[in-house]
Amino acid sequence: MAEETTLENLSEAMEGATTEEQALPEPKIDEHGRAYATGKRKNSVARVWIRPGSGRITVNGKPADEYFARATLLMILKQPLQAAQRETQYDVICTVSGGGLSGQAGAVRHGISRALVNYEPALRPVLKKGGFLTRDARVVERKKYGKPKARRSFQFSKR
């Protein structure tokens, strides 16, 4: 008679499996020793490469603090590296297009997060918990017909 699979049998089997036995995916590194990822936010798209280095961030050929002049945008950019405690271990090179500076900063942040996971798959739980791997789906609402803007109505006149 075949042994039935019960909840107790499954829990015993799960206790035997440790985290070391659960294989992590292979790092996705190209022949130049870089990991690539694409990040998106609003209408912006960022192509991001990370490689071992001293922590320099280059955006469209300029240093990040020159391209993103506001301190809040630089803070957004560095969040995934700070969460993973890898601020001075990787150089980041990215090209970003479309949208405004805020959307571009969000796209670069998303791209850095995904590239870090491609380079070090063990960082996924940390970045996932911080919400850096989720694409922010908020975009501008479209204009509706019969209205001057997306939701604004024309002034009402009683008489």
N, C-alpha and C. Protein backbone atom coordinates (compact mmCIF):
# COMPACT_ATOMS: atom_id res chain seq x y z
N MET A 1 0.84 -1.18 0.00
CA MET A 1 0.00 0.00 0.00
C MET A 1 0.88 1.24 0.00
N ALA A 2 0.59 2.18 -0.90
CA ALA A 2 1.39 3.41 -1.04
C ALA A 2 1.10 4.35 0.13
N GLU A 3 2.17 5.02 0.58
CA GLU A 3 2.03 5.95 1.69
C GLU A 3 1.38 7.24 1.20
N GLU A 4 0.38 7.69 1.93
CA GLU A 4 -0.32 8.90 1.54
C GLU A 4 0.50 10.13 1.93
N THR A 5 0.41 11.17 1.09
CA THR A 5 1.09 12.43 1.39
C THR A 5 0.22 13.22 2.35
N THR A 6 0.75 13.43 3.52
CA THR A 6 0.01 14.21 4.52
C THR A 6 0.77 15.48 4.83
N LEU A 7 0.11 16.34 5.56
CA LEU A 7 0.73 17.60 5.96
C LEU A 7 1.95 17.37 6.83
N GLU A 8 1.91 16.31 7.68
CA GLU A 8 3.04 15.99 8.54
C GLU A 8 4.23 15.52 7.73
N ASN A 9 3.97 14.70 6.71
CA ASN A 9 5.06 14.21 5.85
C ASN A 9 5.71 15.37 5.11
N LEU A 10 4.90 16.32 4.65
CA LEU A 10 5.45 17.47 3.93
C LEU A 10 6.28 18.35 4.85
N SER A 11 5.82 18.57 6.07
CA SER A 11 6.57 19.40 7.00
C SER A 11 7.90 18.74 7.37
N GLU A 12 7.91 17.41 7.49
CA GLU A 12 9.16 16.71 7.77
C GLU A 12 10.13 16.84 6.61
N ALA A 13 9.62 16.76 5.42
CA ALA A 13 10.47 16.91 4.24
C ALA A 13 11.03 18.32 4.14
N MET A 14 10.23 19.33 4.50
CA MET A 14 10.66 20.72 4.44
C MET A 14 11.72 21.01 5.50
N GLU A 15 11.63 20.38 6.67
CA GLU A 15 12.62 20.58 7.72
C GLU A 15 13.99 20.10 7.27
N GLY A 16 14.01 19.06 6.47
CA GLY A 16 15.28 18.50 5.98
C GLY A 16 15.97 19.42 4.99
N ALA A 17 15.21 20.21 4.26
CA ALA A 17 15.79 21.11 3.25
C ALA A 17 16.23 22.40 3.93
N THR A 18 17.50 22.72 3.81
CA THR A 18 18.01 23.98 4.38
C THR A 18 18.11 25.03 3.28
N THR A 19 18.43 26.25 3.69
CA THR A 19 18.51 27.34 2.70
C THR A 19 19.68 27.13 1.75
N GLU A 20 20.75 26.44 2.19
CA GLU A 20 21.88 26.20 1.31
C GLU A 20 21.50 25.25 0.17
N GLU A 21 20.58 24.33 0.47
CA GLU A 21 20.19 23.37 -0.55
C GLU A 21 19.28 23.99 -1.61
N GLN A 22 18.56 25.05 -1.22
CA GLN A 22 17.70 25.72 -2.20
C GLN A 22 18.59 26.57 -3.09
N ALA A 23 18.77 26.14 -4.32
CA ALA A 23 19.74 26.77 -5.22
C ALA A 23 19.28 28.16 -5.64
N LEU A 24 20.23 29.10 -5.62
CA LEU A 24 19.97 30.45 -6.12
C LEU A 24 20.18 30.43 -7.63
N PRO A 25 19.48 31.32 -8.36
CA PRO A 25 19.72 31.38 -9.80
C PRO A 25 21.15 31.84 -10.09
N GLU A 26 21.64 31.49 -11.25
CA GLU A 26 22.98 31.89 -11.67
C GLU A 26 23.05 33.39 -11.90
N PRO A 27 24.15 34.05 -11.52
CA PRO A 27 24.30 35.47 -11.85
C PRO A 27 24.37 35.66 -13.36
N LYS A 28 23.77 36.75 -13.84
CA LYS A 28 23.77 37.04 -15.28
C LYS A 28 24.81 38.13 -15.54
N ILE A 29 26.04 37.71 -15.83
CA ILE A 29 27.16 38.62 -16.03
C ILE A 29 27.68 38.44 -17.45
N ASP A 30 27.90 39.56 -18.17
CA ASP A 30 28.38 39.47 -19.56
C ASP A 30 29.90 39.27 -19.59
N GLU A 31 30.47 39.23 -20.82
CA GLU A 31 31.89 38.95 -20.97
C GLU A 31 32.78 40.08 -20.44
N HIS A 32 32.22 41.28 -20.21
CA HIS A 32 32.97 42.40 -19.66
C HIS A 32 32.87 42.47 -18.14
N GLY A 33 32.20 41.50 -17.51
CA GLY A 33 32.06 41.47 -16.06
C GLY A 33 30.98 42.40 -15.54
N ARG A 34 29.98 42.72 -16.39
CA ARG A 34 28.91 43.63 -15.99
C ARG A 34 27.58 42.88 -15.94
N ALA A 35 26.67 43.42 -15.13
CA ALA A 35 25.29 42.93 -15.12
C ALA A 35 24.42 44.04 -15.70
N TYR A 36 23.43 43.67 -16.52
CA TYR A 36 22.57 44.65 -17.20
C TYR A 36 21.14 44.50 -16.73
N ALA A 37 20.42 45.62 -16.70
CA ALA A 37 18.98 45.57 -16.41
C ALA A 37 18.33 46.83 -16.96
N THR A 38 17.04 46.75 -17.19
CA THR A 38 16.25 47.89 -17.65
C THR A 38 15.30 48.30 -16.54
N GLY A 39 15.25 49.60 -16.27
CA GLY A 39 14.33 50.12 -15.26
C GLY A 39 13.35 51.07 -15.91
N LYS A 40 12.12 51.11 -15.40
CA LYS A 40 11.09 51.98 -15.98
C LYS A 40 10.32 52.70 -14.90
N ARG A 41 9.89 53.93 -15.21
CA ARG A 41 9.05 54.72 -14.31
C ARG A 41 8.40 55.80 -15.14
N LYS A 42 7.08 55.96 -15.03
CA LYS A 42 6.32 56.91 -15.85
C LYS A 42 6.67 56.69 -17.32
N ASN A 43 7.19 57.71 -18.00
CA ASN A 43 7.56 57.55 -19.41
C ASN A 43 9.06 57.38 -19.60
N SER A 44 9.80 57.17 -18.52
CA SER A 44 11.25 57.07 -18.60
C SER A 44 11.70 55.61 -18.66
N VAL A 45 12.76 55.38 -19.43
CA VAL A 45 13.36 54.06 -19.54
C VAL A 45 14.86 54.22 -19.30
N ALA A 46 15.40 53.43 -18.37
CA ALA A 46 16.82 53.49 -18.04
C ALA A 46 17.47 52.14 -18.35
N ARG A 47 18.59 52.19 -19.07
CA ARG A 47 19.40 51.00 -19.30
C ARG A 47 20.58 51.10 -18.34
N VAL A 48 20.75 50.09 -17.47
CA VAL A 48 21.72 50.18 -16.38
C VAL A 48 22.69 49.00 -16.45
N TRP A 49 23.99 49.31 -16.33
CA TRP A 49 25.04 48.31 -16.21
C TRP A 49 25.75 48.54 -14.89
N ILE A 50 26.01 47.47 -14.13
CA ILE A 50 26.83 47.59 -12.92
C ILE A 50 28.02 46.66 -13.06
N ARG A 51 29.15 47.11 -12.50
CA ARG A 51 30.36 46.31 -12.49
C ARG A 51 31.12 46.63 -11.21
N PRO A 52 32.00 45.75 -10.76
CA PRO A 52 32.76 46.03 -9.55
C PRO A 52 33.58 47.31 -9.74
N GLY A 53 33.59 48.14 -8.71
CA GLY A 53 34.31 49.41 -8.80
C GLY A 53 34.32 50.13 -7.48
N SER A 54 34.39 51.47 -7.58
CA SER A 54 34.56 52.29 -6.38
C SER A 54 33.29 53.01 -5.96
N GLY A 55 32.18 52.81 -6.67
CA GLY A 55 30.92 53.45 -6.28
C GLY A 55 30.54 54.65 -7.11
N ARG A 56 31.16 54.83 -8.28
CA ARG A 56 30.81 55.94 -9.16
C ARG A 56 29.51 55.64 -9.89
N ILE A 57 28.66 56.65 -10.01
CA ILE A 57 27.40 56.52 -10.76
C ILE A 57 27.44 57.51 -11.91
N THR A 58 27.32 57.01 -13.14
CA THR A 58 27.35 57.84 -14.33
C THR A 58 26.01 57.73 -15.04
N VAL A 59 25.41 58.89 -15.34
CA VAL A 59 24.13 58.92 -16.02
C VAL A 59 24.29 59.72 -17.31
N ASN A 60 24.05 59.09 -18.45
CA ASN A 60 24.19 59.72 -19.77
C ASN A 60 25.54 60.42 -19.93
N GLY A 61 26.61 59.79 -19.45
CA GLY A 61 27.95 60.33 -19.61
C GLY A 61 28.35 61.38 -18.59
N LYS A 62 27.47 61.74 -17.67
CA LYS A 62 27.77 62.74 -16.64
C LYS A 62 27.72 62.07 -15.27
N PRO A 63 28.45 62.64 -14.29
CA PRO A 63 28.29 62.12 -12.92
C PRO A 63 26.86 62.32 -12.44
N ALA A 64 26.38 61.43 -11.59
CA ALA A 64 24.98 61.47 -11.16
C ALA A 64 24.64 62.76 -10.45
N ASP A 65 25.57 63.31 -9.62
CA ASP A 65 25.27 64.54 -8.90
C ASP A 65 25.21 65.75 -9.83
N GLU A 66 25.78 65.62 -11.01
CA GLU A 66 25.69 66.70 -12.00
C GLU A 66 24.39 66.58 -12.82
N TYR A 67 24.02 65.34 -13.16
CA TYR A 67 22.82 65.11 -13.97
C TYR A 67 21.55 65.34 -13.15
N PHE A 68 21.52 64.75 -11.95
CA PHE A 68 20.39 64.94 -11.03
C PHE A 68 20.84 65.92 -9.95
N ALA A 69 20.56 67.21 -10.16
CA ALA A 69 21.07 68.26 -9.28
C ALA A 69 20.39 68.26 -7.91
N ARG A 70 19.13 67.85 -7.83
CA ARG A 70 18.43 67.88 -6.54
C ARG A 70 18.87 66.73 -5.65
N ALA A 71 18.98 67.03 -4.36
CA ALA A 71 19.44 66.03 -3.39
C ALA A 71 18.44 64.87 -3.27
N THR A 72 17.14 65.16 -3.41
CA THR A 72 16.15 64.10 -3.28
C THR A 72 16.28 63.08 -4.41
N LEU A 73 16.60 63.54 -5.61
CA LEU A 73 16.76 62.62 -6.73
C LEU A 73 17.99 61.74 -6.54
N LEU A 74 19.07 62.31 -6.01
CA LEU A 74 20.27 61.51 -5.72
C LEU A 74 19.98 60.47 -4.64
N MET A 75 19.17 60.86 -3.64
CA MET A 75 18.80 59.95 -2.57
C MET A 75 18.01 58.77 -3.14
N ILE A 76 17.06 59.07 -4.03
CA ILE A 76 16.25 58.01 -4.67
C ILE A 76 17.16 57.05 -5.43
N LEU A 77 18.13 57.62 -6.14
CA LEU A 77 19.06 56.84 -6.96
C LEU A 77 19.86 55.84 -6.13
N LYS A 78 20.29 56.26 -4.93
CA LYS A 78 21.20 55.44 -4.12
C LYS A 78 20.49 54.48 -3.17
N GLN A 79 19.18 54.55 -3.08
CA GLN A 79 18.44 53.72 -2.13
C GLN A 79 18.71 52.21 -2.26
N PRO A 80 18.66 51.63 -3.47
CA PRO A 80 18.90 50.18 -3.54
C PRO A 80 20.31 49.78 -3.13
N LEU A 81 21.31 50.62 -3.46
CA LEU A 81 22.69 50.32 -3.08
C LEU A 81 22.86 50.41 -1.56
N GLN A 82 22.18 51.37 -0.93
CA GLN A 82 22.26 51.50 0.52
C GLN A 82 21.55 50.35 1.21
N ALA A 83 20.40 49.94 0.68
CA ALA A 83 19.66 48.83 1.28
C ALA A 83 20.47 47.53 1.22
N ALA A 84 21.20 47.35 0.12
CA ALA A 84 22.01 46.14 -0.04
C ALA A 84 23.41 46.29 0.57
N GLN A 85 23.73 47.49 1.09
CA GLN A 85 25.04 47.81 1.66
C GLN A 85 26.15 47.56 0.66
N ARG A 86 25.97 48.08 -0.56
CA ARG A 86 26.94 47.91 -1.64
C ARG A 86 27.30 49.27 -2.27
N GLU A 87 27.27 50.35 -1.48
CA GLU A 87 27.46 51.70 -2.02
C GLU A 87 28.81 51.91 -2.67
N THR A 88 29.86 51.32 -2.11
CA THR A 88 31.21 51.55 -2.63
C THR A 88 31.78 50.34 -3.36
N GLN A 89 30.95 49.36 -3.67
CA GLN A 89 31.46 48.14 -4.30
C GLN A 89 31.23 48.10 -5.81
N TYR A 90 30.25 48.87 -6.31
CA TYR A 90 29.91 48.78 -7.72
C TYR A 90 29.93 50.15 -8.38
N ASP A 91 30.39 50.18 -9.63
CA ASP A 91 30.23 51.35 -10.49
C ASP A 91 28.96 51.15 -11.30
N VAL A 92 28.19 52.21 -11.46
CA VAL A 92 26.92 52.15 -12.18
C VAL A 92 27.02 53.06 -13.40
N ILE A 93 26.76 52.50 -14.56
CA ILE A 93 26.71 53.27 -15.80
C ILE A 93 25.31 53.11 -16.36
N CYS A 94 24.64 54.24 -16.65
CA CYS A 94 23.28 54.11 -17.17
C CYS A 94 23.00 55.18 -18.22
N THR A 95 22.12 54.83 -19.13
CA THR A 95 21.57 55.77 -20.10
C THR A 95 20.08 55.81 -19.86
N VAL A 96 19.53 57.01 -19.80
CA VAL A 96 18.11 57.16 -19.49
C VAL A 96 17.50 58.13 -20.48
N SER A 97 16.26 57.84 -20.88
CA SER A 97 15.59 58.71 -21.84
C SER A 97 14.11 58.76 -21.52
N GLY A 98 13.47 59.83 -21.95
CA GLY A 98 12.03 59.99 -21.78
C GLY A 98 11.65 60.56 -20.44
N GLY A 99 10.53 61.25 -20.39
CA GLY A 99 10.00 61.77 -19.14
C GLY A 99 10.82 62.92 -18.57
N GLY A 100 10.56 63.23 -17.31
CA GLY A 100 11.27 64.29 -16.61
C GLY A 100 12.30 63.72 -15.66
N LEU A 101 12.93 64.59 -14.89
CA LEU A 101 14.01 64.16 -14.01
C LEU A 101 13.51 63.21 -12.91
N SER A 102 12.32 63.45 -12.36
CA SER A 102 11.80 62.60 -11.30
C SER A 102 11.54 61.19 -11.82
N GLY A 103 10.91 61.08 -12.97
CA GLY A 103 10.67 59.77 -13.57
C GLY A 103 11.96 59.07 -13.95
N GLN A 104 12.94 59.85 -14.42
CA GLN A 104 14.22 59.26 -14.80
C GLN A 104 14.96 58.71 -13.58
N ALA A 105 14.90 59.45 -12.46
CA ALA A 105 15.54 58.97 -11.24
C ALA A 105 14.89 57.67 -10.77
N GLY A 106 13.56 57.59 -10.84
CA GLY A 106 12.86 56.37 -10.47
C GLY A 106 13.21 55.21 -11.39
N ALA A 107 13.38 55.50 -12.68
CA ALA A 107 13.74 54.46 -13.64
C ALA A 107 15.15 53.94 -13.37
N VAL A 108 16.07 54.83 -13.05
CA VAL A 108 17.44 54.41 -12.75
C VAL A 108 17.46 53.57 -11.47
N ARG A 109 16.68 53.98 -10.47
CA ARG A 109 16.59 53.21 -9.22
C ARG A 109 16.09 51.79 -9.49
N HIS A 110 15.05 51.68 -10.30
CA HIS A 110 14.50 50.37 -10.66
C HIS A 110 15.54 49.54 -11.41
N GLY A 111 16.26 50.19 -12.33
CA GLY A 111 17.28 49.48 -13.10
C GLY A 111 18.44 49.01 -12.24
N ILE A 112 18.89 49.86 -11.30
CA ILE A 112 19.99 49.48 -10.40
C ILE A 112 19.57 48.27 -9.57
N SER A 113 18.34 48.28 -9.08
CA SER A 113 17.85 47.17 -8.25
C SER A 113 17.86 45.87 -9.04
N ARG A 114 17.35 45.92 -10.26
CA ARG A 114 17.29 44.70 -11.07
C ARG A 114 18.69 44.22 -11.46
N ALA A 115 19.59 45.18 -11.75
CA ALA A 115 20.96 44.80 -12.11
C ALA A 115 21.69 44.17 -10.92
N LEU A 116 21.44 44.69 -9.72
CA LEU A 116 22.04 44.10 -8.51
C LEU A 116 21.59 42.65 -8.34
N VAL A 117 20.32 42.39 -8.59
CA VAL A 117 19.81 41.02 -8.47
C VAL A 117 20.44 40.13 -9.55
N ASN A 118 20.65 40.68 -10.74
CA ASN A 118 21.30 39.90 -11.79
C ASN A 118 22.75 39.59 -11.44
N TYR A 119 23.42 40.53 -10.76
CA TYR A 119 24.82 40.32 -10.39
C TYR A 119 24.95 39.43 -9.14
N GLU A 120 24.10 39.71 -8.12
CA GLU A 120 24.11 38.94 -6.87
C GLU A 120 22.70 38.48 -6.55
N PRO A 121 22.28 37.31 -7.00
CA PRO A 121 20.91 36.83 -6.75
C PRO A 121 20.56 36.74 -5.26
N ALA A 122 21.54 36.66 -4.38
CA ALA A 122 21.26 36.57 -2.94
C ALA A 122 20.68 37.88 -2.39
N LEU A 123 20.81 38.98 -3.12
CA LEU A 123 20.29 40.27 -2.66
C LEU A 123 18.79 40.42 -2.92
N ARG A 124 18.19 39.51 -3.65
CA ARG A 124 16.78 39.64 -4.02
C ARG A 124 15.84 39.83 -2.83
N PRO A 125 15.94 39.04 -1.76
CA PRO A 125 15.00 39.24 -0.64
C PRO A 125 15.08 40.63 -0.01
N VAL A 126 16.31 41.16 0.10
CA VAL A 126 16.49 42.49 0.71
C VAL A 126 15.85 43.57 -0.17
N LEU A 127 16.11 43.49 -1.47
CA LEU A 127 15.58 44.51 -2.39
C LEU A 127 14.07 44.35 -2.58
N LYS A 128 13.59 43.12 -2.55
CA LYS A 128 12.15 42.88 -2.68
C LYS A 128 11.41 43.44 -1.47
N LYS A 129 11.98 43.24 -0.28
CA LYS A 129 11.36 43.74 0.94
C LYS A 129 11.31 45.27 0.93
N GLY A 130 12.32 45.91 0.38
CA GLY A 130 12.35 47.37 0.28
C GLY A 130 11.44 47.92 -0.80
N GLY A 131 10.92 47.05 -1.67
CA GLY A 131 10.02 47.49 -2.74
C GLY A 131 10.74 48.06 -3.94
N PHE A 132 12.02 47.75 -4.11
CA PHE A 132 12.79 48.33 -5.20
C PHE A 132 12.65 47.56 -6.51
N LEU A 133 12.16 46.33 -6.46
CA LEU A 133 12.04 45.52 -7.68
C LEU A 133 10.70 45.69 -8.37
N THR A 134 9.76 46.35 -7.70
CA THR A 134 8.43 46.55 -8.27
C THR A 134 8.41 47.82 -9.10
N ARG A 135 7.94 47.71 -10.33
CA ARG A 135 7.82 48.90 -11.18
C ARG A 135 6.66 49.73 -10.66
N ASP A 136 6.91 51.02 -10.43
CA ASP A 136 5.87 51.92 -9.94
C ASP A 136 4.91 52.19 -11.10
N ALA A 137 3.69 51.70 -10.99
CA ALA A 137 2.74 51.73 -12.12
C ALA A 137 2.00 53.05 -12.25
N ARG A 138 2.22 54.00 -11.34
CA ARG A 138 1.49 55.27 -11.42
C ARG A 138 1.95 56.09 -12.61
N VAL A 139 1.00 56.45 -13.46
CA VAL A 139 1.28 57.29 -14.62
C VAL A 139 0.23 58.40 -14.68
N VAL A 140 0.45 59.36 -15.55
CA VAL A 140 -0.48 60.49 -15.68
C VAL A 140 -1.81 59.99 -16.24
N GLU A 141 -2.90 60.43 -15.64
CA GLU A 141 -4.23 60.04 -16.09
C GLU A 141 -4.56 60.73 -17.40
N ARG A 142 -5.24 60.02 -18.29
CA ARG A 142 -5.53 60.60 -19.61
C ARG A 142 -6.67 61.60 -19.54
N LYS A 143 -6.70 62.52 -20.49
CA LYS A 143 -7.75 63.52 -20.57
C LYS A 143 -9.01 62.87 -21.16
N LYS A 144 -10.17 63.18 -20.56
CA LYS A 144 -11.43 62.65 -21.04
C LYS A 144 -12.13 63.69 -21.91
N TYR A 145 -12.90 63.20 -22.87
CA TYR A 145 -13.64 64.12 -23.74
C TYR A 145 -14.74 64.80 -22.94
N GLY A 146 -15.07 66.02 -23.31
CA GLY A 146 -16.08 66.79 -22.61
C GLY A 146 -15.56 67.44 -21.34
N LYS A 147 -14.28 67.33 -21.09
CA LYS A 147 -13.66 67.93 -19.90
C LYS A 147 -12.41 68.67 -20.33
N PRO A 148 -12.09 69.79 -19.63
CA PRO A 148 -10.89 70.53 -20.02
C PRO A 148 -9.58 69.81 -19.63
N LYS A 149 -9.62 69.01 -18.57
CA LYS A 149 -8.46 68.22 -18.15
C LYS A 149 -8.94 66.81 -17.83
N ALA A 150 -8.14 66.02 -17.11
CA ALA A 150 -8.52 64.64 -16.83
C ALA A 150 -9.80 64.57 -16.00
N ARG A 151 -9.92 65.41 -14.96
CA ARG A 151 -11.08 65.37 -14.09
C ARG A 151 -11.78 66.71 -13.96
N ARG A 152 -11.12 67.79 -14.25
CA ARG A 152 -11.68 69.14 -14.10
C ARG A 152 -12.89 69.31 -15.00
N SER A 153 -13.95 69.92 -14.45
CA SER A 153 -15.15 70.22 -15.24
C SER A 153 -15.21 71.71 -15.50
N PHE A 154 -15.98 72.06 -16.50
CA PHE A 154 -16.20 73.48 -16.78
C PHE A 154 -17.01 74.09 -15.63
N GLN A 155 -16.87 75.41 -15.44
CA GLN A 155 -17.58 76.06 -14.35
C GLN A 155 -19.09 75.94 -14.52
N PHE A 156 -19.75 75.55 -13.41
CA PHE A 156 -21.21 75.38 -13.46
C PHE A 156 -21.90 76.72 -13.29
N SER A 157 -22.92 76.95 -14.12
CA SER A 157 -23.70 78.18 -14.02
C SER A 157 -25.15 77.81 -13.77
N LYS A 158 -25.71 78.28 -12.64
CA LYS A 158 -27.09 77.96 -12.32
C LYS A 158 -28.02 78.77 -13.22
N ARG A 159 -27.68 80.01 -13.54
CA ARG A 159 -28.49 80.87 -14.40
C ARG A 159 -27.70 81.42 -15.55
